[in-house]
N, C-alpha and C. Protein backbone atom coordinates (compact mmCIF):
# COMPACT_ATOMS: atom_id res chain seq x y z
N MET A 1 117.87 116.56 100.67
CA MET A 1 116.50 116.67 100.16
C MET A 1 116.13 118.15 100.01
N THR A 2 115.78 118.55 98.80
CA THR A 2 115.42 119.94 98.56
C THR A 2 114.05 120.25 99.17
N GLN A 3 113.82 121.54 99.42
CA GLN A 3 112.54 121.95 100.00
C GLN A 3 111.38 121.58 99.10
N SER A 4 111.58 121.73 97.79
CA SER A 4 110.49 121.47 96.85
C SER A 4 110.08 119.99 96.85
N ILE A 5 111.06 119.07 96.87
CA ILE A 5 110.72 117.65 96.87
C ILE A 5 110.12 117.26 98.22
N GLN A 6 110.58 117.91 99.30
CA GLN A 6 110.00 117.63 100.62
C GLN A 6 108.54 118.07 100.64
N ASP A 7 108.28 119.27 100.16
CA ASP A 7 106.91 119.79 100.18
C ASP A 7 105.98 118.98 99.29
N SER A 8 106.45 118.64 98.09
CA SER A 8 105.59 117.90 97.17
C SER A 8 105.34 116.48 97.68
N THR A 9 106.32 115.89 98.36
CA THR A 9 106.14 114.55 98.92
C THR A 9 105.17 114.57 100.09
N LEU A 10 105.27 115.60 100.93
CA LEU A 10 104.32 115.73 102.03
C LEU A 10 102.89 115.88 101.49
N ALA A 11 102.74 116.71 100.47
CA ALA A 11 101.42 116.92 99.88
C ALA A 11 100.91 115.63 99.24
N LEU A 12 101.81 114.91 98.56
CA LEU A 12 101.43 113.64 97.94
C LEU A 12 100.99 112.64 99.02
N ALA A 13 101.70 112.64 100.14
CA ALA A 13 101.32 111.77 101.26
C ALA A 13 99.94 112.15 101.77
N GLY A 14 99.63 113.44 101.74
CA GLY A 14 98.31 113.89 102.16
C GLY A 14 97.21 113.34 101.27
N ILE A 15 97.48 113.27 99.95
CA ILE A 15 96.49 112.72 99.01
C ILE A 15 96.32 111.23 99.26
N PHE A 16 97.43 110.50 99.39
CA PHE A 16 97.35 109.06 99.61
C PHE A 16 96.69 108.74 100.94
N GLN A 17 96.96 109.56 101.96
CA GLN A 17 96.35 109.29 103.26
C GLN A 17 94.84 109.50 103.19
N ALA A 18 94.42 110.55 102.49
CA ALA A 18 92.98 110.79 102.33
C ALA A 18 92.33 109.63 101.61
N ALA A 19 92.96 109.16 100.56
CA ALA A 19 92.43 108.02 99.80
C ALA A 19 92.33 106.78 100.68
N HIS A 20 93.34 106.57 101.50
CA HIS A 20 93.34 105.43 102.42
C HIS A 20 92.19 105.54 103.42
N LEU A 21 91.97 106.73 103.96
CA LEU A 21 90.90 106.92 104.94
C LEU A 21 89.52 106.73 104.32
N VAL A 22 89.37 107.17 103.07
CA VAL A 22 88.11 106.94 102.36
C VAL A 22 87.84 105.43 102.27
N GLN A 23 88.88 104.69 101.93
CA GLN A 23 88.73 103.24 101.84
C GLN A 23 88.38 102.63 103.20
N GLN A 24 88.98 103.16 104.26
CA GLN A 24 88.70 102.65 105.60
C GLN A 24 87.23 102.84 105.97
N VAL A 25 86.70 104.01 105.69
CA VAL A 25 85.30 104.29 106.00
C VAL A 25 84.38 103.41 105.15
N ALA A 26 84.73 103.29 103.87
CA ALA A 26 83.88 102.55 102.93
C ALA A 26 83.85 101.05 103.20
N THR A 27 84.95 100.51 103.68
CA THR A 27 85.03 99.06 103.86
C THR A 27 84.94 98.61 105.31
N ARG A 28 85.19 99.52 106.25
CA ARG A 28 85.15 99.14 107.66
C ARG A 28 84.20 100.00 108.48
N GLY A 29 83.75 101.09 107.89
CA GLY A 29 82.80 101.96 108.59
C GLY A 29 83.40 102.73 109.74
N GLN A 30 84.72 102.94 109.71
CA GLN A 30 85.34 103.66 110.81
C GLN A 30 86.58 104.42 110.35
N VAL A 31 86.88 105.46 111.11
CA VAL A 31 88.10 106.24 110.87
C VAL A 31 88.46 106.90 112.19
N GLY A 32 89.75 106.97 112.49
CA GLY A 32 90.20 107.55 113.76
C GLY A 32 89.92 109.04 113.84
N GLU A 33 89.60 109.50 115.06
CA GLU A 33 89.31 110.93 115.25
C GLU A 33 90.52 111.79 114.92
N ASP A 34 91.72 111.32 115.27
CA ASP A 34 92.94 112.08 114.96
C ASP A 34 93.09 112.25 113.45
N ASP A 35 92.79 111.19 112.71
CA ASP A 35 92.89 111.26 111.24
C ASP A 35 91.87 112.25 110.68
N LEU A 36 90.66 112.23 111.23
CA LEU A 36 89.63 113.16 110.78
C LEU A 36 90.05 114.60 111.08
N GLU A 37 90.61 114.81 112.26
CA GLU A 37 91.06 116.15 112.64
C GLU A 37 92.16 116.65 111.70
N THR A 38 93.05 115.74 111.30
CA THR A 38 94.11 116.13 110.37
C THR A 38 93.50 116.59 109.05
N CYS A 39 92.48 115.86 108.57
CA CYS A 39 91.81 116.24 107.32
C CYS A 39 91.16 117.61 107.44
N VAL A 40 90.40 117.80 108.51
CA VAL A 40 89.69 119.07 108.69
C VAL A 40 90.68 120.22 108.82
N ARG A 41 91.73 120.00 109.61
CA ARG A 41 92.74 121.04 109.80
C ARG A 41 93.35 121.46 108.45
N SER A 42 93.63 120.48 107.61
CA SER A 42 94.26 120.80 106.32
C SER A 42 93.34 121.64 105.43
N ILE A 43 92.04 121.41 105.54
CA ILE A 43 91.08 122.18 104.74
C ILE A 43 90.97 123.61 105.26
N LEU A 44 90.96 123.77 106.57
CA LEU A 44 90.72 125.08 107.18
C LEU A 44 91.97 125.93 107.32
N GLU A 45 93.15 125.32 107.15
CA GLU A 45 94.41 126.07 107.26
C GLU A 45 94.66 126.79 105.94
N VAL A 46 94.19 128.03 105.86
CA VAL A 46 94.24 128.77 104.59
C VAL A 46 95.49 129.65 104.46
N ASP A 47 96.19 129.87 105.57
CA ASP A 47 97.39 130.71 105.51
C ASP A 47 98.52 130.05 106.30
N PRO A 48 98.98 128.88 105.83
CA PRO A 48 99.98 128.12 106.58
C PRO A 48 101.39 128.70 106.46
N GLU A 49 102.19 128.43 107.49
CA GLU A 49 103.60 128.86 107.46
C GLU A 49 104.37 128.06 106.43
N ASN A 50 104.04 126.79 106.29
CA ASN A 50 104.67 125.92 105.30
C ASN A 50 103.76 124.72 105.06
N THR A 51 104.19 123.82 104.18
CA THR A 51 103.36 122.67 103.83
C THR A 51 103.10 121.77 105.03
N GLU A 52 104.12 121.55 105.83
CA GLU A 52 103.97 120.69 107.00
C GLU A 52 102.92 121.22 107.96
N ALA A 53 102.86 122.55 108.09
CA ALA A 53 101.91 123.18 109.02
C ALA A 53 100.46 122.96 108.61
N VAL A 54 100.23 122.74 107.33
CA VAL A 54 98.87 122.50 106.84
C VAL A 54 98.26 121.30 107.56
N PHE A 55 99.06 120.30 107.81
CA PHE A 55 98.57 119.05 108.39
C PHE A 55 98.79 118.97 109.90
N GLY A 56 99.44 119.96 110.47
CA GLY A 56 99.71 119.93 111.90
C GLY A 56 100.97 119.17 112.26
N GLY A 57 101.86 119.01 111.30
CA GLY A 57 103.10 118.27 111.53
C GLY A 57 103.19 117.03 110.68
N ARG A 58 104.42 116.66 110.30
CA ARG A 58 104.60 115.49 109.43
C ARG A 58 104.17 114.19 110.10
N HIS A 59 104.23 114.16 111.44
CA HIS A 59 103.83 112.94 112.15
C HIS A 59 102.37 112.60 111.90
N ARG A 60 101.57 113.59 111.53
CA ARG A 60 100.15 113.35 111.25
C ARG A 60 99.95 112.76 109.85
N LEU A 61 101.02 112.66 109.09
CA LEU A 61 100.95 112.06 107.75
C LEU A 61 101.70 110.73 107.71
N ALA A 62 101.87 110.11 108.88
CA ALA A 62 102.65 108.87 108.95
C ALA A 62 102.09 107.79 108.03
N THR A 63 100.77 107.65 107.99
CA THR A 63 100.16 106.62 107.14
C THR A 63 100.39 106.93 105.67
N GLY A 64 100.16 108.18 105.28
CA GLY A 64 100.36 108.57 103.89
C GLY A 64 101.80 108.43 103.44
N LEU A 65 102.74 108.80 104.30
CA LEU A 65 104.16 108.68 103.97
C LEU A 65 104.55 107.22 103.82
N ARG A 66 103.99 106.36 104.67
CA ARG A 66 104.30 104.93 104.57
C ARG A 66 103.81 104.37 103.23
N ILE A 67 102.61 104.74 102.84
CA ILE A 67 102.06 104.24 101.58
C ILE A 67 102.88 104.76 100.41
N VAL A 68 103.27 106.03 100.44
CA VAL A 68 104.10 106.59 99.37
C VAL A 68 105.42 105.85 99.29
N ARG A 69 106.02 105.61 100.43
CA ARG A 69 107.31 104.89 100.46
C ARG A 69 107.16 103.50 99.84
N GLU A 70 106.09 102.81 100.19
CA GLU A 70 105.88 101.46 99.68
C GLU A 70 105.52 101.47 98.19
N GLN A 71 104.77 102.47 97.76
CA GLN A 71 104.36 102.54 96.37
C GLN A 71 105.48 102.95 95.43
N PHE A 72 106.37 103.79 95.92
CA PHE A 72 107.40 104.33 95.04
C PHE A 72 108.75 103.64 95.22
N GLY A 73 108.81 102.65 96.09
CA GLY A 73 110.04 101.91 96.26
C GLY A 73 110.20 100.85 95.19
N ILE A 74 111.38 100.26 95.13
CA ILE A 74 111.66 99.21 94.16
C ILE A 74 111.40 97.86 94.82
N GLY A 75 110.82 96.95 94.06
CA GLY A 75 110.54 95.63 94.59
C GLY A 75 109.05 95.38 94.71
N GLU A 76 108.71 94.31 95.42
CA GLU A 76 107.31 93.93 95.54
C GLU A 76 106.54 94.96 96.35
N LYS A 77 105.39 95.37 95.82
CA LYS A 77 104.59 96.40 96.47
C LYS A 77 103.30 95.80 97.03
N LYS A 78 102.78 96.46 98.06
CA LYS A 78 101.50 96.04 98.60
C LYS A 78 100.40 96.45 97.62
N ASP A 79 99.26 95.81 97.75
CA ASP A 79 98.14 96.08 96.85
C ASP A 79 97.38 97.33 97.30
N TYR A 80 97.68 98.44 96.63
CA TYR A 80 96.98 99.69 96.90
C TYR A 80 96.21 100.13 95.66
N PHE A 81 95.70 99.16 94.91
CA PHE A 81 95.04 99.47 93.63
C PHE A 81 93.89 100.45 93.80
N GLU A 82 92.99 100.17 94.75
CA GLU A 82 91.81 101.03 94.92
C GLU A 82 92.22 102.40 95.43
N ILE A 83 93.17 102.43 96.35
CA ILE A 83 93.65 103.70 96.88
C ILE A 83 94.28 104.54 95.76
N THR A 84 95.08 103.90 94.92
CA THR A 84 95.72 104.61 93.82
C THR A 84 94.69 105.17 92.84
N LYS A 85 93.61 104.42 92.61
CA LYS A 85 92.53 104.91 91.75
C LYS A 85 91.92 106.17 92.33
N TYR A 86 91.71 106.20 93.64
CA TYR A 86 91.17 107.39 94.29
C TYR A 86 92.13 108.56 94.15
N VAL A 87 93.41 108.29 94.32
CA VAL A 87 94.42 109.36 94.21
C VAL A 87 94.39 109.98 92.81
N ILE A 88 94.36 109.14 91.79
CA ILE A 88 94.33 109.64 90.41
C ILE A 88 93.07 110.47 90.17
N SER A 89 91.95 110.00 90.68
CA SER A 89 90.69 110.72 90.51
C SER A 89 90.73 112.07 91.22
N ILE A 90 91.29 112.10 92.42
CA ILE A 90 91.41 113.35 93.18
C ILE A 90 92.26 114.35 92.42
N MET A 91 93.40 113.89 91.89
CA MET A 91 94.28 114.78 91.13
C MET A 91 93.57 115.32 89.89
N HIS A 92 92.81 114.45 89.24
CA HIS A 92 92.09 114.85 88.03
C HIS A 92 91.05 115.92 88.34
N LEU A 93 90.30 115.73 89.42
CA LEU A 93 89.28 116.71 89.79
C LEU A 93 89.89 118.03 90.22
N GLU A 94 91.05 117.96 90.87
CA GLU A 94 91.71 119.20 91.28
C GLU A 94 92.11 120.04 90.09
N ARG A 95 92.54 119.39 89.02
CA ARG A 95 92.92 120.13 87.81
C ARG A 95 91.69 120.79 87.19
N LYS A 96 90.55 120.11 87.25
CA LYS A 96 89.31 120.70 86.74
C LYS A 96 88.87 121.87 87.63
N LEU A 97 89.02 121.69 88.94
CA LEU A 97 88.65 122.74 89.88
C LEU A 97 89.47 124.00 89.65
N ALA A 98 90.75 123.83 89.34
CA ALA A 98 91.65 124.97 89.15
C ALA A 98 91.17 125.90 88.03
N LYS A 99 90.35 125.38 87.12
CA LYS A 99 89.86 126.17 86.00
C LYS A 99 88.51 126.83 86.29
N ARG A 100 87.97 126.57 87.47
CA ARG A 100 86.65 127.08 87.83
C ARG A 100 86.77 128.14 88.93
N ARG A 101 86.95 129.38 88.54
CA ARG A 101 87.09 130.45 89.52
C ARG A 101 85.84 130.61 90.38
N ASP A 102 84.68 130.41 89.76
CA ASP A 102 83.44 130.54 90.51
C ASP A 102 83.36 129.50 91.62
N MET A 103 83.78 128.28 91.31
CA MET A 103 83.73 127.21 92.29
C MET A 103 84.79 127.42 93.38
N LEU A 104 85.95 127.90 93.00
CA LEU A 104 87.00 128.20 93.97
C LEU A 104 86.53 129.26 94.95
N GLN A 105 85.81 130.26 94.44
CA GLN A 105 85.27 131.31 95.30
C GLN A 105 84.23 130.74 96.26
N GLU A 106 83.38 129.86 95.75
CA GLU A 106 82.37 129.22 96.58
C GLU A 106 83.01 128.38 97.68
N LEU A 107 84.08 127.69 97.33
CA LEU A 107 84.81 126.90 98.32
C LEU A 107 85.43 127.79 99.39
N THR A 108 86.03 128.88 98.97
CA THR A 108 86.65 129.82 99.90
C THR A 108 85.64 130.35 100.90
N GLN A 109 84.48 130.75 100.40
CA GLN A 109 83.43 131.26 101.28
C GLN A 109 82.90 130.17 102.21
N GLY A 110 82.73 128.97 101.67
CA GLY A 110 82.24 127.87 102.49
C GLY A 110 83.21 127.49 103.59
N ILE A 111 84.48 127.49 103.26
CA ILE A 111 85.51 127.16 104.25
C ILE A 111 85.53 128.20 105.37
N GLU A 112 85.34 129.45 105.02
CA GLU A 112 85.28 130.50 106.05
C GLU A 112 84.11 130.28 106.99
N ARG A 113 82.99 129.84 106.46
CA ARG A 113 81.83 129.56 107.32
C ARG A 113 82.13 128.41 108.27
N VAL A 114 82.80 127.38 107.75
CA VAL A 114 83.14 126.24 108.60
C VAL A 114 84.17 126.64 109.66
N ARG A 115 85.08 127.52 109.30
CA ARG A 115 86.06 128.01 110.28
C ARG A 115 85.35 128.65 111.47
N GLY A 116 84.24 129.32 111.17
CA GLY A 116 83.45 129.92 112.24
C GLY A 116 82.81 128.86 113.14
N GLN A 117 82.39 127.76 112.53
CA GLN A 117 81.79 126.67 113.30
C GLN A 117 82.80 126.04 114.26
N VAL A 118 84.04 125.94 113.81
CA VAL A 118 85.07 125.28 114.62
C VAL A 118 85.33 126.05 115.91
N GLU A 119 84.96 127.32 115.94
CA GLU A 119 85.11 128.09 117.17
C GLU A 119 84.17 127.58 118.26
N HIS A 120 83.12 126.87 117.85
CA HIS A 120 82.13 126.37 118.80
C HIS A 120 82.16 124.85 118.96
N PHE A 121 82.71 124.17 117.96
CA PHE A 121 82.77 122.71 117.99
C PHE A 121 84.21 122.24 117.79
N SER A 122 84.46 120.96 118.08
CA SER A 122 85.79 120.39 117.83
C SER A 122 85.98 120.17 116.33
N LEU A 123 87.23 119.96 115.92
CA LEU A 123 87.53 119.77 114.51
C LEU A 123 86.77 118.59 113.90
N ALA A 124 86.64 117.52 114.67
CA ALA A 124 86.00 116.31 114.14
C ALA A 124 84.53 116.20 114.55
N HIS A 125 83.95 117.28 115.02
CA HIS A 125 82.54 117.25 115.43
C HIS A 125 81.66 116.96 114.22
N GLU A 126 80.57 116.23 114.46
CA GLU A 126 79.71 115.82 113.36
C GLU A 126 79.13 117.01 112.59
N ASN A 127 78.90 118.14 113.26
CA ASN A 127 78.37 119.33 112.58
C ASN A 127 79.40 119.90 111.60
N VAL A 128 80.66 119.88 112.01
CA VAL A 128 81.74 120.37 111.15
C VAL A 128 81.91 119.45 109.94
N ILE A 129 81.92 118.14 110.20
CA ILE A 129 82.06 117.17 109.11
C ILE A 129 80.89 117.28 108.14
N ALA A 130 79.67 117.46 108.66
CA ALA A 130 78.49 117.58 107.81
C ALA A 130 78.57 118.84 106.95
N ALA A 131 79.07 119.93 107.52
CA ALA A 131 79.19 121.18 106.77
C ALA A 131 80.20 121.04 105.63
N LEU A 132 81.32 120.37 105.90
CA LEU A 132 82.32 120.14 104.86
C LEU A 132 81.78 119.20 103.79
N ALA A 133 81.00 118.21 104.21
CA ALA A 133 80.40 117.28 103.26
C ALA A 133 79.44 118.01 102.33
N ASP A 134 78.63 118.91 102.89
CA ASP A 134 77.70 119.71 102.08
C ASP A 134 78.46 120.57 101.09
N LEU A 135 79.57 121.13 101.54
CA LEU A 135 80.39 121.97 100.67
C LEU A 135 80.94 121.14 99.50
N TYR A 136 81.35 119.93 99.80
CA TYR A 136 81.85 119.03 98.75
C TYR A 136 80.74 118.70 97.75
N VAL A 137 79.56 118.39 98.26
CA VAL A 137 78.42 118.03 97.39
C VAL A 137 78.07 119.18 96.45
N ASN A 138 78.12 120.41 96.97
CA ASN A 138 77.72 121.57 96.17
C ASN A 138 78.81 122.08 95.23
N THR A 139 80.01 121.55 95.35
CA THR A 139 81.12 122.03 94.51
C THR A 139 81.79 120.87 93.78
N ILE A 140 82.73 120.21 94.41
CA ILE A 140 83.54 119.17 93.78
C ILE A 140 82.68 118.06 93.18
N SER A 141 81.60 117.70 93.89
CA SER A 141 80.77 116.59 93.45
C SER A 141 80.04 116.88 92.13
N THR A 142 79.99 118.15 91.73
CA THR A 142 79.33 118.49 90.47
C THR A 142 80.27 118.36 89.28
N LEU A 143 81.57 118.17 89.54
CA LEU A 143 82.54 117.98 88.47
C LEU A 143 82.50 116.53 87.99
N THR A 144 82.89 116.32 86.77
CA THR A 144 82.90 114.95 86.23
C THR A 144 84.30 114.58 85.74
N PRO A 145 84.63 113.28 85.76
CA PRO A 145 83.80 112.19 86.30
C PRO A 145 83.85 112.17 87.82
N ARG A 146 82.72 111.85 88.43
CA ARG A 146 82.66 111.79 89.89
C ARG A 146 83.43 110.58 90.39
N ILE A 147 83.93 110.69 91.61
CA ILE A 147 84.68 109.59 92.21
C ILE A 147 83.70 108.52 92.68
N ILE A 148 83.89 107.31 92.22
CA ILE A 148 83.05 106.19 92.62
C ILE A 148 83.73 105.46 93.78
N ILE A 149 83.06 105.43 94.90
CA ILE A 149 83.61 104.79 96.09
C ILE A 149 83.10 103.36 96.20
N LYS A 150 84.03 102.43 96.33
CA LYS A 150 83.66 101.02 96.49
C LYS A 150 83.77 100.63 97.96
N GLY A 151 82.74 99.94 98.43
CA GLY A 151 82.76 99.51 99.82
C GLY A 151 81.49 98.77 100.18
N GLU A 152 81.26 98.64 101.47
CA GLU A 152 80.07 97.95 101.97
C GLU A 152 78.88 98.90 101.94
N HIS A 153 77.79 98.47 101.31
CA HIS A 153 76.61 99.33 101.19
C HIS A 153 76.11 99.80 102.55
N GLY A 154 76.16 98.91 103.53
CA GLY A 154 75.69 99.27 104.86
C GLY A 154 76.46 100.44 105.46
N TYR A 155 77.74 100.49 105.19
CA TYR A 155 78.57 101.60 105.69
C TYR A 155 78.34 102.87 104.87
N LEU A 156 78.33 102.73 103.56
CA LEU A 156 78.22 103.90 102.69
C LEU A 156 76.84 104.54 102.73
N SER A 157 75.82 103.76 103.07
CA SER A 157 74.46 104.31 103.14
C SER A 157 74.21 105.04 104.45
N ASP A 158 75.11 104.89 105.39
CA ASP A 158 75.00 105.58 106.67
C ASP A 158 75.37 107.05 106.48
N THR A 159 74.50 107.96 106.89
CA THR A 159 74.70 109.39 106.66
C THR A 159 76.01 109.89 107.25
N SER A 160 76.32 109.46 108.46
CA SER A 160 77.55 109.90 109.11
C SER A 160 78.78 109.48 108.33
N ASN A 161 78.79 108.23 107.87
CA ASN A 161 79.92 107.74 107.08
C ASN A 161 80.02 108.46 105.74
N ALA A 162 78.87 108.68 105.11
CA ALA A 162 78.87 109.39 103.82
C ALA A 162 79.45 110.79 103.98
N ASN A 163 79.10 111.45 105.08
CA ASN A 163 79.63 112.79 105.34
C ASN A 163 81.14 112.74 105.54
N LYS A 164 81.60 111.72 106.25
CA LYS A 164 83.04 111.58 106.49
C LYS A 164 83.80 111.37 105.18
N VAL A 165 83.26 110.52 104.31
CA VAL A 165 83.90 110.26 103.02
C VAL A 165 84.03 111.57 102.23
N ARG A 166 82.97 112.35 102.18
CA ARG A 166 83.00 113.59 101.40
C ARG A 166 83.95 114.62 102.01
N ALA A 167 83.97 114.71 103.33
CA ALA A 167 84.89 115.64 103.98
C ALA A 167 86.34 115.22 103.73
N ILE A 168 86.60 113.92 103.79
CA ILE A 168 87.96 113.42 103.55
C ILE A 168 88.37 113.65 102.10
N LEU A 169 87.45 113.46 101.18
CA LEU A 169 87.76 113.73 99.77
C LEU A 169 88.08 115.20 99.55
N LEU A 170 87.40 116.07 100.27
CA LEU A 170 87.70 117.51 100.18
C LEU A 170 89.12 117.78 100.68
N ALA A 171 89.51 117.05 101.74
CA ALA A 171 90.88 117.16 102.23
C ALA A 171 91.87 116.65 101.19
N GLY A 172 91.48 115.60 100.47
CA GLY A 172 92.33 115.08 99.40
C GLY A 172 92.53 116.11 98.30
N ILE A 173 91.46 116.83 97.96
CA ILE A 173 91.55 117.89 96.96
C ILE A 173 92.49 118.99 97.45
N ARG A 174 92.37 119.34 98.74
CA ARG A 174 93.25 120.36 99.33
C ARG A 174 94.71 119.93 99.21
N ALA A 175 94.99 118.66 99.50
CA ALA A 175 96.35 118.15 99.40
C ALA A 175 96.83 118.17 97.95
N ALA A 176 95.93 117.90 97.02
CA ALA A 176 96.29 117.92 95.60
C ALA A 176 96.64 119.34 95.14
N VAL A 177 95.94 120.34 95.69
CA VAL A 177 96.28 121.74 95.40
C VAL A 177 97.69 122.03 95.89
N LEU A 178 97.99 121.59 97.12
CA LEU A 178 99.33 121.80 97.69
C LEU A 178 100.39 121.10 96.85
N TRP A 179 100.07 119.90 96.40
CA TRP A 179 101.02 119.12 95.61
C TRP A 179 101.37 119.87 94.32
N ARG A 180 100.36 120.40 93.66
CA ARG A 180 100.61 121.14 92.41
C ARG A 180 101.37 122.44 92.70
N GLN A 181 101.00 123.13 93.77
CA GLN A 181 101.66 124.39 94.12
C GLN A 181 103.12 124.20 94.49
N SER A 182 103.45 123.00 94.99
CA SER A 182 104.84 122.73 95.38
C SER A 182 105.64 122.10 94.24
N GLY A 183 105.07 122.12 93.04
CA GLY A 183 105.80 121.65 91.87
C GLY A 183 105.49 120.23 91.45
N GLY A 184 104.51 119.60 92.09
CA GLY A 184 104.16 118.23 91.73
C GLY A 184 103.50 118.15 90.36
N THR A 185 103.92 117.19 89.56
CA THR A 185 103.34 116.98 88.23
C THR A 185 103.17 115.48 87.98
N ARG A 186 102.30 115.15 87.04
CA ARG A 186 102.10 113.74 86.70
C ARG A 186 103.40 113.07 86.22
N PRO A 187 104.16 113.70 85.31
CA PRO A 187 105.42 113.08 84.86
C PRO A 187 106.40 112.84 86.02
N GLN A 188 106.35 113.73 87.02
CA GLN A 188 107.24 113.58 88.17
C GLN A 188 107.00 112.26 88.89
N LEU A 189 105.76 111.81 88.91
CA LEU A 189 105.42 110.57 89.59
C LEU A 189 106.12 109.37 88.98
N ILE A 190 106.47 109.49 87.70
CA ILE A 190 107.16 108.41 87.00
C ILE A 190 108.67 108.65 86.95
N LEU A 191 109.04 109.88 86.60
CA LEU A 191 110.45 110.19 86.38
C LEU A 191 111.24 110.38 87.67
N GLN A 192 110.55 110.72 88.76
CA GLN A 192 111.26 110.98 90.01
C GLN A 192 110.82 110.03 91.13
N ARG A 193 110.49 108.81 90.75
CA ARG A 193 110.03 107.83 91.73
C ARG A 193 111.06 107.62 92.85
N LYS A 194 112.32 107.52 92.45
CA LYS A 194 113.38 107.25 93.44
C LYS A 194 113.48 108.42 94.43
N LYS A 195 113.42 109.65 93.92
CA LYS A 195 113.52 110.82 94.79
C LYS A 195 112.33 110.90 95.74
N ILE A 196 111.14 110.59 95.22
CA ILE A 196 109.94 110.63 96.06
C ILE A 196 110.03 109.57 97.15
N HIS A 197 110.49 108.38 96.77
CA HIS A 197 110.64 107.29 97.73
C HIS A 197 111.62 107.67 98.82
N GLN A 198 112.76 108.24 98.43
CA GLN A 198 113.78 108.63 99.40
C GLN A 198 113.28 109.74 100.31
N ALA A 199 112.55 110.69 99.72
CA ALA A 199 112.01 111.80 100.52
C ALA A 199 111.01 111.29 101.55
N ALA A 200 110.16 110.35 101.14
CA ALA A 200 109.19 109.78 102.07
C ALA A 200 109.88 109.07 103.22
N LYS A 201 110.95 108.34 102.91
CA LYS A 201 111.70 107.63 103.96
C LYS A 201 112.30 108.62 104.96
N GLN A 202 112.88 109.70 104.45
CA GLN A 202 113.51 110.70 105.32
C GLN A 202 112.46 111.43 106.17
N LEU A 203 111.32 111.72 105.57
CA LEU A 203 110.28 112.45 106.28
C LEU A 203 109.65 111.60 107.39
N MET A 204 109.76 110.29 107.27
CA MET A 204 109.21 109.41 108.29
C MET A 204 110.09 109.34 109.52
N ILE A 205 111.32 109.83 109.42
CA ILE A 205 112.24 109.82 110.54
C ILE A 205 112.00 111.08 111.37
N VAL A 206 111.45 110.91 112.54
CA VAL A 206 111.14 112.06 113.42
C VAL A 206 112.28 112.30 114.39
């Protein structure tokens, strides 16, 4: 497995995992603290040693790697229709973001402010999540088309859950940036399905 396919598969797993977590919050009103911490860490890690370090280790992408393996394998697949829609939307918005230097600068400054907050709070603290959610609202959320989240109104109308969804989507955007930087492309998702599937399987072996 080449370094490039390993890095792009890890980043792709990061996008799928973020999409999965968004669905969990929207339909069940809950998400694990470890998963939230992985999302926040990936956003705040601005000078990583490598792609794996962005997430705190490949083991923190176990869910995303499993979904990638199942989606890109041959044979009957599980129903990840809604998750895949979120992934496509995240990738699309990331491409739009890449053309907005002003917004990228605003994100950079906002992330630095949140990094300062983490010195006083835990990664998954509600204040940190709220700050990331505000950053998403003021930047990514202004791009079109906006991501439409499907779920239970009772969960989505809850301020805490809404903040978590936005923070997780920001993590998804971060993973999409990594995916593109590591050579990931839309055609690759079709033409290199077997390689991506194999890479995901190997990366799941700790």
